[in-house]
Amino acid sequence: MHELGRMNKDEFKSTEKNKIILVLDNVRSLNNIGSAFRTADSFLIEAIYLCGVSGTPPNKEIEKTALGATQTVAWNYFKTTGEAVETLKSAGYFIASVEQAKHSVMLNQFSKPGKALALIFGNEVYGVEQDIIDKSDICIEIPQFGTKHSLNVSVSIGIVLWEIMR
């Protein structure tokens, strides 16, 4: 870590974060949750909101892929994703569900808003719940060109954050 010039845990915690919160809407896989933490750490994301059936730290299965990021990235648990969205809206966040939906905007055509952003990623099978899509300011879709109609949620998180941060 020293040779790479990476910050330590205390430096990370005191560093200003990007005003982005990841919202995991009933993500079942603990490995996907751990990956979300690790990716959030790498992009200096403000926090992760874990909702519904999404597992929470401390958990050895989450830690397998988080590799310590549960100690650096702030997180909060909400019984429902709706509660998380209402909290974020009242705090002035722009709400974007990442989902294939009618009237969605392709990721490469999405312009980051001039205010804090919440990105909602859905369940591995069912995606983002319709009522959450309805409460969102926008739906962002990752362009896809093959025969499959979806990507793994942890892959989607990495792609979306990379595109938004670059």
N, C-alpha and C. Protein backbone atom coordinates (compact mmCIF):
# COMPACT_ATOMS: atom_id res chain seq x y z
N MET A 1 0.83 -1.19 0.00
CA MET A 1 0.00 0.00 0.00
C MET A 1 0.88 1.25 0.00
N HIS A 2 1.96 1.20 0.77
CA HIS A 2 2.84 2.37 0.84
C HIS A 2 3.45 2.69 -0.52
N GLU A 3 3.92 1.67 -1.23
CA GLU A 3 4.53 1.88 -2.54
C GLU A 3 3.54 2.40 -3.57
N LEU A 4 2.27 2.07 -3.40
CA LEU A 4 1.23 2.53 -4.32
C LEU A 4 0.73 3.94 -3.97
N GLY A 5 1.16 4.44 -2.82
CA GLY A 5 0.71 5.76 -2.39
C GLY A 5 -0.74 5.81 -1.96
N ARG A 6 -1.27 4.69 -1.51
CA ARG A 6 -2.67 4.63 -1.08
C ARG A 6 -2.81 5.17 0.33
N MET A 7 -3.94 5.77 0.62
CA MET A 7 -4.19 6.28 1.96
C MET A 7 -4.57 5.14 2.89
N ASN A 8 -4.33 5.36 4.17
CA ASN A 8 -4.74 4.37 5.16
C ASN A 8 -6.18 4.63 5.57
N LYS A 9 -6.70 3.78 6.44
CA LYS A 9 -8.11 3.87 6.85
C LYS A 9 -8.45 5.22 7.46
N ASP A 10 -7.59 5.74 8.32
CA ASP A 10 -7.87 7.03 8.96
C ASP A 10 -7.84 8.17 7.94
N GLU A 11 -6.89 8.13 7.02
CA GLU A 11 -6.83 9.16 5.98
C GLU A 11 -8.07 9.10 5.09
N PHE A 12 -8.50 7.89 4.76
CA PHE A 12 -9.71 7.72 3.95
C PHE A 12 -10.91 8.35 4.64
N LYS A 13 -11.06 8.05 5.92
CA LYS A 13 -12.23 8.55 6.65
C LYS A 13 -12.27 10.06 6.73
N SER A 14 -11.11 10.70 6.74
CA SER A 14 -11.07 12.16 6.85
C SER A 14 -11.03 12.87 5.50
N THR A 15 -10.92 12.12 4.42
CA THR A 15 -10.88 12.69 3.07
C THR A 15 -12.29 13.05 2.60
N GLU A 16 -12.41 14.17 1.91
CA GLU A 16 -13.70 14.56 1.36
C GLU A 16 -14.14 13.52 0.33
N LYS A 17 -15.39 13.10 0.42
CA LYS A 17 -15.93 12.05 -0.46
C LYS A 17 -16.69 12.66 -1.63
N ASN A 18 -16.84 11.88 -2.67
CA ASN A 18 -17.72 12.24 -3.77
C ASN A 18 -19.16 12.14 -3.27
N LYS A 19 -19.98 13.12 -3.61
CA LYS A 19 -21.36 13.19 -3.11
C LYS A 19 -22.27 12.22 -3.86
N ILE A 20 -21.93 10.95 -3.68
CA ILE A 20 -22.71 9.86 -4.29
C ILE A 20 -22.99 8.82 -3.22
N ILE A 21 -24.22 8.39 -3.14
CA ILE A 21 -24.60 7.31 -2.24
C ILE A 21 -25.14 6.16 -3.09
N LEU A 22 -24.62 4.97 -2.84
CA LEU A 22 -25.13 3.77 -3.49
C LEU A 22 -26.26 3.22 -2.64
N VAL A 23 -27.37 2.90 -3.26
CA VAL A 23 -28.52 2.29 -2.58
C VAL A 23 -28.70 0.89 -3.16
N LEU A 24 -28.59 -0.11 -2.30
CA LEU A 24 -28.77 -1.49 -2.74
C LEU A 24 -30.17 -1.95 -2.35
N ASP A 25 -31.01 -2.12 -3.37
CA ASP A 25 -32.42 -2.45 -3.21
C ASP A 25 -32.59 -3.97 -3.19
N ASN A 26 -32.59 -4.53 -1.99
CA ASN A 26 -32.81 -5.97 -1.81
C ASN A 26 -31.80 -6.83 -2.56
N VAL A 27 -30.53 -6.47 -2.49
CA VAL A 27 -29.46 -7.26 -3.11
C VAL A 27 -29.20 -8.45 -2.18
N ARG A 28 -29.36 -9.65 -2.72
CA ARG A 28 -29.29 -10.87 -1.90
C ARG A 28 -27.88 -11.37 -1.66
N SER A 29 -27.04 -11.30 -2.68
CA SER A 29 -25.72 -11.90 -2.60
C SER A 29 -24.78 -11.09 -1.71
N LEU A 30 -24.26 -11.75 -0.69
CA LEU A 30 -23.31 -11.09 0.20
C LEU A 30 -22.02 -10.77 -0.53
N ASN A 31 -21.67 -11.57 -1.53
CA ASN A 31 -20.49 -11.26 -2.34
C ASN A 31 -20.71 -9.99 -3.15
N ASN A 32 -21.90 -9.79 -3.68
CA ASN A 32 -22.20 -8.55 -4.41
C ASN A 32 -22.15 -7.34 -3.48
N ILE A 33 -22.63 -7.51 -2.27
CA ILE A 33 -22.58 -6.42 -1.29
C ILE A 33 -21.14 -6.08 -0.95
N GLY A 34 -20.32 -7.10 -0.73
CA GLY A 34 -18.91 -6.87 -0.45
C GLY A 34 -18.22 -6.17 -1.60
N SER A 35 -18.55 -6.57 -2.81
CA SER A 35 -17.98 -5.93 -4.00
C SER A 35 -18.41 -4.47 -4.08
N ALA A 36 -19.65 -4.18 -3.73
CA ALA A 36 -20.12 -2.79 -3.72
C ALA A 36 -19.30 -1.95 -2.75
N PHE A 37 -19.00 -2.49 -1.59
CA PHE A 37 -18.17 -1.78 -0.62
C PHE A 37 -16.78 -1.50 -1.18
N ARG A 38 -16.19 -2.51 -1.78
CA ARG A 38 -14.84 -2.36 -2.33
C ARG A 38 -14.81 -1.33 -3.46
N THR A 39 -15.81 -1.36 -4.32
CA THR A 39 -15.90 -0.40 -5.41
C THR A 39 -16.17 1.00 -4.88
N ALA A 40 -17.04 1.12 -3.88
CA ALA A 40 -17.33 2.42 -3.28
C ALA A 40 -16.07 3.02 -2.66
N ASP A 41 -15.26 2.19 -2.04
CA ASP A 41 -14.00 2.66 -1.47
C ASP A 41 -13.10 3.21 -2.58
N SER A 42 -13.00 2.48 -3.68
CA SER A 42 -12.07 2.89 -4.74
C SER A 42 -12.48 4.20 -5.40
N PHE A 43 -13.77 4.54 -5.38
CA PHE A 43 -14.24 5.78 -5.99
C PHE A 43 -14.54 6.88 -4.95
N LEU A 44 -14.14 6.67 -3.70
CA LEU A 44 -14.38 7.64 -2.62
C LEU A 44 -15.85 8.03 -2.52
N ILE A 45 -16.71 7.03 -2.51
CA ILE A 45 -18.15 7.25 -2.44
C ILE A 45 -18.55 7.57 -1.00
N GLU A 46 -19.50 8.47 -0.85
CA GLU A 46 -19.93 8.95 0.45
C GLU A 46 -20.44 7.84 1.36
N ALA A 47 -21.31 6.97 0.84
CA ALA A 47 -21.90 5.92 1.68
C ALA A 47 -22.64 4.90 0.83
N ILE A 48 -22.97 3.80 1.48
CA ILE A 48 -23.84 2.78 0.90
C ILE A 48 -25.05 2.64 1.81
N TYR A 49 -26.23 2.61 1.21
CA TYR A 49 -27.46 2.34 1.95
C TYR A 49 -27.92 0.93 1.58
N LEU A 50 -27.97 0.07 2.56
CA LEU A 50 -28.39 -1.32 2.39
C LEU A 50 -29.86 -1.43 2.78
N CYS A 51 -30.67 -1.99 1.89
CA CYS A 51 -32.12 -1.98 2.10
C CYS A 51 -32.73 -3.36 2.00
N GLY A 52 -33.78 -3.56 2.79
CA GLY A 52 -34.56 -4.80 2.72
C GLY A 52 -33.74 -6.01 3.10
N VAL A 53 -33.70 -7.01 2.20
CA VAL A 53 -33.01 -8.27 2.48
C VAL A 53 -31.49 -8.17 2.34
N SER A 54 -30.99 -7.03 1.92
CA SER A 54 -29.54 -6.87 1.77
C SER A 54 -28.84 -7.10 3.10
N GLY A 55 -27.80 -7.95 3.08
CA GLY A 55 -27.04 -8.22 4.29
C GLY A 55 -26.23 -7.00 4.72
N THR A 56 -25.82 -7.01 5.97
CA THR A 56 -25.05 -5.89 6.52
C THR A 56 -23.79 -6.40 7.21
N PRO A 57 -22.77 -5.55 7.26
CA PRO A 57 -21.58 -5.89 8.05
C PRO A 57 -21.93 -5.88 9.53
N PRO A 58 -21.19 -6.53 10.37
CA PRO A 58 -20.07 -7.40 10.01
C PRO A 58 -20.58 -8.76 9.54
N ASN A 59 -19.95 -9.27 8.50
CA ASN A 59 -20.33 -10.55 7.93
C ASN A 59 -19.15 -11.09 7.15
N LYS A 60 -18.74 -12.31 7.46
CA LYS A 60 -17.54 -12.86 6.82
C LYS A 60 -17.72 -13.04 5.32
N GLU A 61 -18.94 -13.31 4.86
CA GLU A 61 -19.18 -13.46 3.42
C GLU A 61 -19.06 -12.12 2.70
N ILE A 62 -19.53 -11.05 3.31
CA ILE A 62 -19.38 -9.71 2.74
C ILE A 62 -17.89 -9.36 2.70
N GLU A 63 -17.21 -9.67 3.77
CA GLU A 63 -15.79 -9.31 3.89
C GLU A 63 -14.91 -10.02 2.87
N LYS A 64 -15.33 -11.20 2.40
CA LYS A 64 -14.54 -11.93 1.39
C LYS A 64 -14.25 -11.07 0.18
N THR A 65 -15.23 -10.30 -0.25
CA THR A 65 -15.03 -9.45 -1.43
C THR A 65 -14.78 -8.00 -1.06
N ALA A 66 -15.21 -7.57 0.11
CA ALA A 66 -14.99 -6.18 0.53
C ALA A 66 -13.53 -5.91 0.86
N LEU A 67 -12.84 -6.93 1.35
CA LEU A 67 -11.41 -6.82 1.70
C LEU A 67 -11.10 -5.60 2.56
N GLY A 68 -11.93 -5.40 3.59
CA GLY A 68 -11.69 -4.32 4.54
C GLY A 68 -12.45 -3.03 4.25
N ALA A 69 -13.11 -2.94 3.10
CA ALA A 69 -13.82 -1.71 2.74
C ALA A 69 -15.02 -1.44 3.65
N THR A 70 -15.49 -2.45 4.37
CA THR A 70 -16.59 -2.21 5.32
C THR A 70 -16.09 -1.36 6.49
N GLN A 71 -14.78 -1.27 6.64
CA GLN A 71 -14.19 -0.45 7.70
C GLN A 71 -13.95 0.99 7.25
N THR A 72 -14.02 1.24 5.94
CA THR A 72 -13.75 2.58 5.43
C THR A 72 -15.00 3.28 4.88
N VAL A 73 -15.87 2.54 4.24
CA VAL A 73 -17.05 3.15 3.62
C VAL A 73 -18.20 3.21 4.63
N ALA A 74 -18.76 4.40 4.79
CA ALA A 74 -19.91 4.56 5.68
C ALA A 74 -21.11 3.81 5.10
N TRP A 75 -21.95 3.28 5.97
CA TRP A 75 -23.15 2.58 5.50
C TRP A 75 -24.27 2.76 6.50
N ASN A 76 -25.48 2.52 5.99
CA ASN A 76 -26.67 2.60 6.82
C ASN A 76 -27.64 1.54 6.33
N TYR A 77 -28.46 1.03 7.22
CA TYR A 77 -29.46 0.03 6.85
C TYR A 77 -30.86 0.65 6.95
N PHE A 78 -31.69 0.35 5.96
CA PHE A 78 -33.09 0.76 5.95
C PHE A 78 -33.94 -0.47 5.73
N LYS A 79 -35.03 -0.58 6.49
CA LYS A 79 -35.92 -1.72 6.35
C LYS A 79 -36.50 -1.80 4.94
N THR A 80 -36.78 -0.65 4.34
CA THR A 80 -37.28 -0.63 2.96
C THR A 80 -36.47 0.37 2.14
N THR A 81 -36.43 0.13 0.86
CA THR A 81 -35.75 1.05 -0.05
C THR A 81 -36.52 2.36 -0.12
N GLY A 82 -37.82 2.29 0.01
CA GLY A 82 -38.65 3.51 0.03
C GLY A 82 -38.23 4.46 1.13
N GLU A 83 -37.93 3.92 2.32
CA GLU A 83 -37.47 4.76 3.43
C GLU A 83 -36.15 5.45 3.07
N ALA A 84 -35.26 4.70 2.45
CA ALA A 84 -33.97 5.27 2.05
C ALA A 84 -34.17 6.39 1.03
N VAL A 85 -35.03 6.15 0.05
CA VAL A 85 -35.28 7.15 -0.98
C VAL A 85 -35.88 8.42 -0.37
N GLU A 86 -36.82 8.27 0.53
CA GLU A 86 -37.43 9.44 1.18
C GLU A 86 -36.38 10.23 1.97
N THR A 87 -35.51 9.53 2.67
CA THR A 87 -34.43 10.18 3.42
C THR A 87 -33.52 10.96 2.48
N LEU A 88 -33.17 10.34 1.36
CA LEU A 88 -32.28 10.99 0.39
C LEU A 88 -32.96 12.18 -0.28
N LYS A 89 -34.22 12.05 -0.63
CA LYS A 89 -34.95 13.16 -1.25
C LYS A 89 -35.02 14.35 -0.29
N SER A 90 -35.30 14.07 0.97
CA SER A 90 -35.41 15.17 1.94
C SER A 90 -34.06 15.85 2.18
N ALA A 91 -32.97 15.14 1.88
CA ALA A 91 -31.63 15.71 2.00
C ALA A 91 -31.17 16.36 0.70
N GLY A 92 -32.03 16.38 -0.33
CA GLY A 92 -31.73 17.07 -1.57
C GLY A 92 -30.98 16.27 -2.62
N TYR A 93 -30.95 14.95 -2.48
CA TYR A 93 -30.25 14.11 -3.46
C TYR A 93 -31.08 13.93 -4.73
N PHE A 94 -30.39 13.86 -5.86
CA PHE A 94 -30.98 13.50 -7.14
C PHE A 94 -31.01 11.97 -7.16
N ILE A 95 -32.17 11.37 -7.41
CA ILE A 95 -32.34 9.93 -7.30
C ILE A 95 -32.34 9.29 -8.70
N ALA A 96 -31.39 8.38 -8.92
CA ALA A 96 -31.28 7.70 -10.21
C ALA A 96 -31.30 6.19 -10.00
N SER A 97 -32.31 5.53 -10.54
CA SER A 97 -32.36 4.08 -10.53
C SER A 97 -31.59 3.57 -11.75
N VAL A 98 -30.79 2.55 -11.55
CA VAL A 98 -30.06 1.94 -12.66
C VAL A 98 -30.86 0.70 -13.05
N GLU A 99 -31.58 0.84 -14.17
CA GLU A 99 -32.52 -0.21 -14.56
C GLU A 99 -32.93 -0.04 -16.01
N GLN A 100 -33.26 -1.13 -16.65
CA GLN A 100 -33.83 -1.07 -18.00
C GLN A 100 -35.31 -0.79 -17.84
N ALA A 101 -35.73 0.37 -18.28
CA ALA A 101 -37.12 0.78 -18.09
C ALA A 101 -37.55 1.70 -19.21
N LYS A 102 -38.86 1.82 -19.38
CA LYS A 102 -39.40 2.75 -20.36
C LYS A 102 -38.90 4.15 -20.02
N HIS A 103 -38.43 4.87 -21.00
CA HIS A 103 -37.93 6.24 -20.86
C HIS A 103 -36.59 6.34 -20.12
N SER A 104 -35.88 5.21 -19.99
CA SER A 104 -34.57 5.29 -19.34
C SER A 104 -33.60 6.04 -20.26
N VAL A 105 -32.57 6.61 -19.64
CA VAL A 105 -31.53 7.34 -20.36
C VAL A 105 -30.30 6.44 -20.38
N MET A 106 -29.70 6.30 -21.55
CA MET A 106 -28.48 5.49 -21.65
C MET A 106 -27.37 6.15 -20.83
N LEU A 107 -26.62 5.31 -20.15
CA LEU A 107 -25.56 5.80 -19.26
C LEU A 107 -24.63 6.78 -19.96
N ASN A 108 -24.25 6.49 -21.19
CA ASN A 108 -23.33 7.37 -21.91
C ASN A 108 -23.96 8.70 -22.30
N GLN A 109 -25.28 8.85 -22.12
CA GLN A 109 -25.97 10.11 -22.40
C GLN A 109 -26.40 10.82 -21.12
N PHE A 110 -26.10 10.23 -19.98
CA PHE A 110 -26.48 10.80 -18.68
C PHE A 110 -25.48 11.87 -18.27
N SER A 111 -26.01 13.02 -17.87
CA SER A 111 -25.16 14.09 -17.35
C SER A 111 -25.33 14.15 -15.84
N LYS A 112 -24.22 14.07 -15.14
CA LYS A 112 -24.26 14.13 -13.68
C LYS A 112 -24.91 15.44 -13.24
N PRO A 113 -25.88 15.36 -12.35
CA PRO A 113 -26.56 16.58 -11.90
C PRO A 113 -25.62 17.45 -11.05
N GLY A 114 -25.99 18.69 -10.89
CA GLY A 114 -25.17 19.61 -10.12
C GLY A 114 -25.38 19.50 -8.62
N LYS A 115 -25.94 18.39 -8.18
CA LYS A 115 -26.13 18.19 -6.74
C LYS A 115 -25.81 16.75 -6.39
N ALA A 116 -25.90 16.43 -5.12
CA ALA A 116 -25.59 15.08 -4.64
C ALA A 116 -26.46 14.06 -5.37
N LEU A 117 -25.89 12.88 -5.57
CA LEU A 117 -26.52 11.84 -6.39
C LEU A 117 -26.67 10.54 -5.60
N ALA A 118 -27.84 9.95 -5.69
CA ALA A 118 -28.07 8.60 -5.15
C ALA A 118 -28.31 7.67 -6.32
N LEU A 119 -27.55 6.57 -6.37
CA LEU A 119 -27.68 5.57 -7.43
C LEU A 119 -28.28 4.30 -6.83
N ILE A 120 -29.41 3.89 -7.36
CA ILE A 120 -30.10 2.71 -6.83
C ILE A 120 -29.84 1.52 -7.75
N PHE A 121 -29.36 0.43 -7.15
CA PHE A 121 -29.10 -0.83 -7.86
C PHE A 121 -30.00 -1.90 -7.25
N GLY A 122 -30.61 -2.71 -8.11
CA GLY A 122 -31.64 -3.63 -7.66
C GLY A 122 -31.21 -5.06 -7.44
N ASN A 123 -32.19 -5.82 -7.02
CA ASN A 123 -32.08 -7.25 -6.77
C ASN A 123 -31.55 -7.99 -8.00
N GLU A 124 -30.78 -9.03 -7.77
CA GLU A 124 -30.13 -9.78 -8.84
C GLU A 124 -31.10 -10.42 -9.83
N VAL A 125 -32.30 -10.73 -9.41
CA VAL A 125 -33.29 -11.36 -10.29
C VAL A 125 -34.34 -10.35 -10.75
N TYR A 126 -34.85 -9.55 -9.85
CA TYR A 126 -36.00 -8.69 -10.13
C TYR A 126 -35.64 -7.24 -10.45
N GLY A 127 -34.40 -6.85 -10.23
CA GLY A 127 -34.00 -5.47 -10.49
C GLY A 127 -34.52 -4.51 -9.44
N VAL A 128 -34.59 -3.24 -9.81
CA VAL A 128 -35.10 -2.20 -8.91
C VAL A 128 -36.63 -2.31 -8.90
N GLU A 129 -37.21 -2.26 -7.70
CA GLU A 129 -38.66 -2.35 -7.56
C GLU A 129 -39.35 -1.22 -8.32
N GLN A 130 -40.49 -1.51 -8.94
CA GLN A 130 -41.20 -0.51 -9.75
C GLN A 130 -41.56 0.73 -8.93
N ASP A 131 -42.00 0.56 -7.70
CA ASP A 131 -42.37 1.75 -6.92
C ASP A 131 -41.17 2.64 -6.65
N ILE A 132 -39.97 2.06 -6.60
CA ILE A 132 -38.75 2.85 -6.42
C ILE A 132 -38.39 3.56 -7.72
N ILE A 133 -38.57 2.88 -8.85
CA ILE A 133 -38.36 3.52 -10.16
C ILE A 133 -39.30 4.73 -10.28
N ASP A 134 -40.55 4.55 -9.85
CA ASP A 134 -41.53 5.63 -9.92
C ASP A 134 -41.15 6.83 -9.06
N LYS A 135 -40.43 6.60 -7.97
CA LYS A 135 -40.01 7.68 -7.07
C LYS A 135 -38.69 8.32 -7.50
N SER A 136 -38.05 7.74 -8.50
CA SER A 136 -36.74 8.23 -8.95
C SER A 136 -36.89 9.44 -9.87
N ASP A 137 -35.85 10.26 -9.89
CA ASP A 137 -35.82 11.40 -10.80
C ASP A 137 -35.51 10.97 -12.23
N ILE A 138 -34.79 9.85 -12.36
CA ILE A 138 -34.39 9.36 -13.66
C ILE A 138 -34.07 7.88 -13.56
N CYS A 139 -34.13 7.21 -14.68
CA CYS A 139 -33.69 5.82 -14.78
C CYS A 139 -32.52 5.81 -15.76
N ILE A 140 -31.41 5.22 -15.35
CA ILE A 140 -30.22 5.12 -16.18
C ILE A 140 -30.08 3.66 -16.61
N GLU A 141 -29.78 3.48 -17.89
CA GLU A 141 -29.60 2.13 -18.43
C GLU A 141 -28.19 1.98 -19.00
N ILE A 142 -27.57 0.87 -18.72
CA ILE A 142 -26.26 0.57 -19.29
C ILE A 142 -26.48 -0.05 -20.67
N PRO A 143 -25.93 0.56 -21.73
CA PRO A 143 -26.10 -0.04 -23.06
C PRO A 143 -25.51 -1.45 -23.11
N GLN A 144 -26.23 -2.36 -23.74
CA GLN A 144 -25.77 -3.74 -23.87
C GLN A 144 -26.02 -4.20 -25.30
N PHE A 145 -25.14 -5.07 -25.79
CA PHE A 145 -25.18 -5.40 -27.20
C PHE A 145 -25.29 -6.91 -27.48
N GLY A 146 -25.19 -7.74 -26.47
CA GLY A 146 -25.21 -9.18 -26.68
C GLY A 146 -26.58 -9.79 -26.50
N THR A 147 -26.60 -11.07 -26.21
CA THR A 147 -27.86 -11.80 -26.06
C THR A 147 -28.43 -11.72 -24.65
N LYS A 148 -27.61 -11.41 -23.67
CA LYS A 148 -28.09 -11.32 -22.30
C LYS A 148 -28.73 -9.96 -22.07
N HIS A 149 -29.66 -9.91 -21.16
CA HIS A 149 -30.42 -8.69 -20.92
C HIS A 149 -30.05 -7.98 -19.63
N SER A 150 -29.01 -8.48 -18.96
CA SER A 150 -28.62 -7.82 -17.72
C SER A 150 -27.16 -8.13 -17.40
N LEU A 151 -26.64 -7.37 -16.45
CA LEU A 151 -25.29 -7.56 -15.94
C LEU A 151 -25.39 -7.86 -14.44
N ASN A 152 -24.37 -8.49 -13.91
CA ASN A 152 -24.31 -8.69 -12.47
C ASN A 152 -24.31 -7.32 -11.80
N VAL A 153 -24.99 -7.20 -10.67
CA VAL A 153 -25.13 -5.92 -9.99
C VAL A 153 -23.77 -5.33 -9.61
N SER A 154 -22.83 -6.16 -9.21
CA SER A 154 -21.52 -5.61 -8.83
C SER A 154 -20.79 -5.07 -10.05
N VAL A 155 -20.95 -5.71 -11.20
CA VAL A 155 -20.36 -5.20 -12.44
C VAL A 155 -21.04 -3.88 -12.82
N SER A 156 -22.35 -3.83 -12.70
CA SER A 156 -23.10 -2.60 -13.02
C SER A 156 -22.63 -1.43 -12.16
N ILE A 157 -22.41 -1.68 -10.89
CA ILE A 157 -21.95 -0.61 -9.99
C ILE A 157 -20.62 -0.05 -10.49
N GLY A 158 -19.70 -0.92 -10.84
CA GLY A 158 -18.39 -0.48 -11.33
C GLY A 158 -18.49 0.32 -12.62
N ILE A 159 -19.30 -0.16 -13.55
CA ILE A 159 -19.46 0.52 -14.85
C ILE A 159 -20.07 1.91 -14.64
N VAL A 160 -21.13 1.99 -13.87
CA VAL A 160 -21.83 3.27 -13.67
C VAL A 160 -20.92 4.25 -12.94
N LEU A 161 -20.27 3.82 -11.89
CA LEU A 161 -19.39 4.75 -11.17
C LEU A 161 -18.24 5.22 -12.04
N TRP A 162 -17.65 4.33 -12.80
CA TRP A 162 -16.56 4.74 -13.69
C TRP A 162 -17.04 5.81 -14.68
N GLU A 163 -18.17 5.57 -15.31
CA GLU A 163 -18.67 6.51 -16.31
C GLU A 163 -19.00 7.86 -15.67
N ILE A 164 -19.62 7.85 -14.51
CA ILE A 164 -20.00 9.09 -13.85
C ILE A 164 -18.76 9.85 -13.35
N MET A 165 -17.79 9.14 -12.88
CA MET A 165 -16.59 9.78 -12.30
C MET A 165 -15.59 10.26 -13.35
N ARG A 166 -15.63 9.69 -14.52
CA ARG A 166 -14.63 10.11 -15.50
C ARG A 166 -15.04 11.41 -16.10
